[in-house]
């Protein structure tokens, strides 16, 4: 039986959300969406979070605050950043980075790899 991954995506656009959501659901994974950074603090995820995906629509400050929040709330969650360039951010705040507008399969592959 396949393990269901619980993925939280933060700051993504509606179009990419629909594409990613389709790919995640096809693989049997659960996807929760916090469209804006502020929504993250209202997200109810009783099942936990294995991987959080922080998208390029977040400012550097929002990205750092979201990463800190995720590390506190779900200490074992892995964090994947979707950004075209590397910002200075502590290595402890994220686990991997992919470029935006990648093939959805690439993002899904990175999420599954991080979940181990």
C-alpha atoms as a PDB file:
ATOM      1  CA  UNK A   1       0.000   0.000   0.000  1.00  0.00           C
ATOM      2  CA  UNK A   2       1.268   3.437  -0.939  1.00  0.00           C
ATOM      3  CA  UNK A   3       2.050   5.912   1.842  1.00  0.00           C
ATOM      4  CA  UNK A   4       0.056   9.133   1.671  1.00  0.00           C
ATOM      5  CA  UNK A   5       2.243  12.232   1.911  1.00  0.00           C
ATOM      6  CA  UNK A   6       0.771  15.315   3.538  1.00  0.00           C
ATOM      7  CA  UNK A   7       2.078  18.316   1.646  1.00  0.00           C
ATOM      8  CA  UNK A   8       1.532  21.972   2.503  1.00  0.00           C
ATOM      9  CA  UNK A   9       2.086  24.520  -0.257  1.00  0.00           C
ATOM     10  CA  UNK A  10       2.455  28.199   0.626  1.00  0.00           C
ATOM     11  CA  UNK A  11       2.319  31.225  -1.645  1.00  0.00           C
ATOM     12  CA  UNK A  12       1.736  29.486  -4.950  1.00  0.00           C
ATOM     13  CA  UNK A  13      -0.344  30.893  -7.772  1.00  0.00           C
ATOM     14  CA  UNK A  14      -3.763  29.515  -8.626  1.00  0.00           C
ATOM     15  CA  UNK A  15      -2.698  28.100 -12.010  1.00  0.00           C
ATOM     16  CA  UNK A  16       0.326  26.230 -10.710  1.00  0.00           C
ATOM     17  CA  UNK A  17      -1.702  25.076  -7.698  1.00  0.00           C
ATOM     18  CA  UNK A  18      -4.231  23.407  -9.974  1.00  0.00           C
ATOM     19  CA  UNK A  19      -1.480  21.683 -11.959  1.00  0.00           C
ATOM     20  CA  UNK A  20       0.428  20.548  -8.873  1.00  0.00           C
ATOM     21  CA  UNK A  21      -2.757  19.541  -7.075  1.00  0.00           C
ATOM     22  CA  UNK A  22      -3.706  17.255  -9.972  1.00  0.00           C
ATOM     23  CA  UNK A  23      -0.270  15.581  -9.923  1.00  0.00           C
ATOM     24  CA  UNK A  24      -0.268  15.173  -6.152  1.00  0.00           C
ATOM     25  CA  UNK A  25      -3.775  13.693  -6.092  1.00  0.00           C
ATOM     26  CA  UNK A  26      -2.968  11.330  -8.968  1.00  0.00           C
ATOM     27  CA  UNK A  27      -0.231   9.896  -6.747  1.00  0.00           C
ATOM     28  CA  UNK A  28      -2.599   9.668  -3.772  1.00  0.00           C
ATOM     29  CA  UNK A  29      -1.027  12.479  -1.732  1.00  0.00           C
ATOM     30  CA  UNK A  30      -2.898  15.054   0.373  1.00  0.00           C
ATOM     31  CA  UNK A  31      -2.315  18.713  -0.486  1.00  0.00           C
ATOM     32  CA  UNK A  32      -3.201  21.687   1.717  1.00  0.00           C
ATOM     33  CA  UNK A  33      -2.880  25.192   0.316  1.00  0.00           C
ATOM     34  CA  UNK A  34      -2.092  28.463   2.060  1.00  0.00           C
ATOM     35  CA  UNK A  35      -2.425  30.858  -0.903  1.00  0.00           C
ATOM     36  CA  UNK A  36      -1.051  33.803   1.058  1.00  0.00           C
ATOM     37  CA  UNK A  37       1.639  33.810   3.702  1.00  0.00           C
ATOM     38  CA  UNK A  38      -0.852  34.949   6.366  1.00  0.00           C
ATOM     39  CA  UNK A  39      -3.044  31.899   5.660  1.00  0.00           C
ATOM     40  CA  UNK A  40      -0.274  29.668   6.962  1.00  0.00           C
ATOM     41  CA  UNK A  41      -1.067  30.641  10.548  1.00  0.00           C
ATOM     42  CA  UNK A  42      -4.722  29.625  10.096  1.00  0.00           C
ATOM     43  CA  UNK A  43      -4.037  26.298   8.399  1.00  0.00           C
ATOM     44  CA  UNK A  44      -5.470  23.303  10.218  1.00  0.00           C
ATOM     45  CA  UNK A  45      -3.497  20.183   9.395  1.00  0.00           C
ATOM     46  CA  UNK A  46      -4.488  17.566  11.929  1.00  0.00           C
ATOM     47  CA  UNK A  47      -2.765  14.869   9.900  1.00  0.00           C
ATOM     48  CA  UNK A  48       0.589  16.635  10.076  1.00  0.00           C
ATOM     49  CA  UNK A  49       2.907  17.839   7.346  1.00  0.00           C
ATOM     50  CA  UNK A  50       5.750  15.836   5.827  1.00  0.00           C
ATOM     51  CA  UNK A  51       6.798  18.398   3.219  1.00  0.00           C
ATOM     52  CA  UNK A  52       6.155  22.139   2.952  1.00  0.00           C
ATOM     53  CA  UNK A  53       6.637  23.859  -0.403  1.00  0.00           C
ATOM     54  CA  UNK A  54       7.401  27.597  -0.183  1.00  0.00           C
ATOM     55  CA  UNK A  55       6.804  29.344  -3.512  1.00  0.00           C
ATOM     56  CA  UNK A  56       8.433  32.343  -5.163  1.00  0.00           C
ATOM     57  CA  UNK A  57       5.508  34.655  -4.412  1.00  0.00           C
ATOM     58  CA  UNK A  58       6.745  34.959  -0.822  1.00  0.00           C
ATOM     59  CA  UNK A  59       9.047  37.830   0.037  1.00  0.00           C
ATOM     60  CA  UNK A  60      12.353  36.964   1.680  1.00  0.00           C
ATOM     61  CA  UNK A  61      10.977  38.010   5.075  1.00  0.00           C
ATOM     62  CA  UNK A  62       7.802  35.929   4.590  1.00  0.00           C
ATOM     63  CA  UNK A  63       9.849  32.948   3.433  1.00  0.00           C
ATOM     64  CA  UNK A  64      12.073  33.076   6.517  1.00  0.00           C
ATOM     65  CA  UNK A  65       9.131  33.535   8.906  1.00  0.00           C
ATOM     66  CA  UNK A  66       7.196  30.713   7.236  1.00  0.00           C
ATOM     67  CA  UNK A  67      10.211  28.394   7.481  1.00  0.00           C
ATOM     68  CA  UNK A  68      10.625  29.186  11.200  1.00  0.00           C
ATOM     69  CA  UNK A  69       6.904  28.587  11.790  1.00  0.00           C
ATOM     70  CA  UNK A  70       7.006  25.243   9.958  1.00  0.00           C
ATOM     71  CA  UNK A  71      10.107  24.104  11.855  1.00  0.00           C
ATOM     72  CA  UNK A  72       8.339  24.876  15.156  1.00  0.00           C
ATOM     73  CA  UNK A  73       4.912  23.438  14.308  1.00  0.00           C
ATOM     74  CA  UNK A  74       6.069  20.347  12.371  1.00  0.00           C
ATOM     75  CA  UNK A  75       9.685  19.727  13.465  1.00  0.00           C
ATOM     76  CA  UNK A  76      10.132  16.693  11.207  1.00  0.00           C
ATOM     77  CA  UNK A  77       8.703  18.374   8.083  1.00  0.00           C
ATOM     78  CA  UNK A  78      11.064  18.926   5.165  1.00  0.00           C
ATOM     79  CA  UNK A  79      11.013  22.322   3.417  1.00  0.00           C
ATOM     80  CA  UNK A  80      11.316  22.771  -0.340  1.00  0.00           C
ATOM     81  CA  UNK A  81      11.798  26.295  -1.711  1.00  0.00           C
ATOM     82  CA  UNK A  82      10.634  27.137  -5.243  1.00  0.00           C
ATOM     83  CA  UNK A  83      12.725  30.150  -6.312  1.00  0.00           C
ATOM     84  CA  UNK A  84      14.715  31.142  -9.388  1.00  0.00           C
ATOM     85  CA  UNK A  85      17.660  32.406  -7.356  1.00  0.00           C
ATOM     86  CA  UNK A  86      19.197  31.653  -4.029  1.00  0.00           C
ATOM     87  CA  UNK A  87      18.654  34.195  -1.298  1.00  0.00           C
ATOM     88  CA  UNK A  88      20.673  34.229   1.798  1.00  0.00           C
ATOM     89  CA  UNK A  89      18.748  32.028   4.168  1.00  0.00           C
ATOM     90  CA  UNK A  90      20.082  29.771   6.896  1.00  0.00           C
ATOM     91  CA  UNK A  91      20.648  26.225   5.653  1.00  0.00           C
ATOM     92  CA  UNK A  92      18.736  24.905   8.665  1.00  0.00           C
ATOM     93  CA  UNK A  93      15.560  26.594   7.420  1.00  0.00           C
ATOM     94  CA  UNK A  94      15.177  24.571   4.226  1.00  0.00           C
ATOM     95  CA  UNK A  95      16.120  21.202   2.817  1.00  0.00           C
ATOM     96  CA  UNK A  96      16.150  21.726  -0.957  1.00  0.00           C
ATOM     97  CA  UNK A  97      15.363  24.235  -3.715  1.00  0.00           C
ATOM     98  CA  UNK A  98      13.942  23.917  -7.234  1.00  0.00           C
ATOM     99  CA  UNK A  99      13.408  26.527  -9.928  1.00  0.00           C
ATOM    100  CA  UNK A 100       9.862  27.762 -10.574  1.00  0.00           C
ATOM    101  CA  UNK A 101       7.917  26.823 -13.696  1.00  0.00           C
ATOM    102  CA  UNK A 102       9.565  23.427 -13.693  1.00  0.00           C
ATOM    103  CA  UNK A 103       7.701  20.450 -14.977  1.00  0.00           C
ATOM    104  CA  UNK A 104       5.206  19.455 -12.245  1.00  0.00           C
ATOM    105  CA  UNK A 105       6.804  15.999 -12.263  1.00  0.00           C
ATOM    106  CA  UNK A 106      10.112  17.593 -11.174  1.00  0.00           C
ATOM    107  CA  UNK A 107       8.436  19.267  -8.198  1.00  0.00           C
ATOM    108  CA  UNK A 108       6.613  16.070  -7.275  1.00  0.00           C
ATOM    109  CA  UNK A 109       9.844  14.104  -7.544  1.00  0.00           C
ATOM    110  CA  UNK A 110      11.617  16.574  -5.221  1.00  0.00           C
ATOM    111  CA  UNK A 111       8.743  16.378  -2.711  1.00  0.00           C
ATOM    112  CA  UNK A 112       8.758  12.569  -2.718  1.00  0.00           C
ATOM    113  CA  UNK A 113      12.554  12.459  -2.407  1.00  0.00           C
ATOM    114  CA  UNK A 114      12.466  14.815   0.597  1.00  0.00           C
ATOM    115  CA  UNK A 115       9.748  12.745   2.260  1.00  0.00           C
ATOM    116  CA  UNK A 116      12.087   9.772   1.992  1.00  0.00           C
END
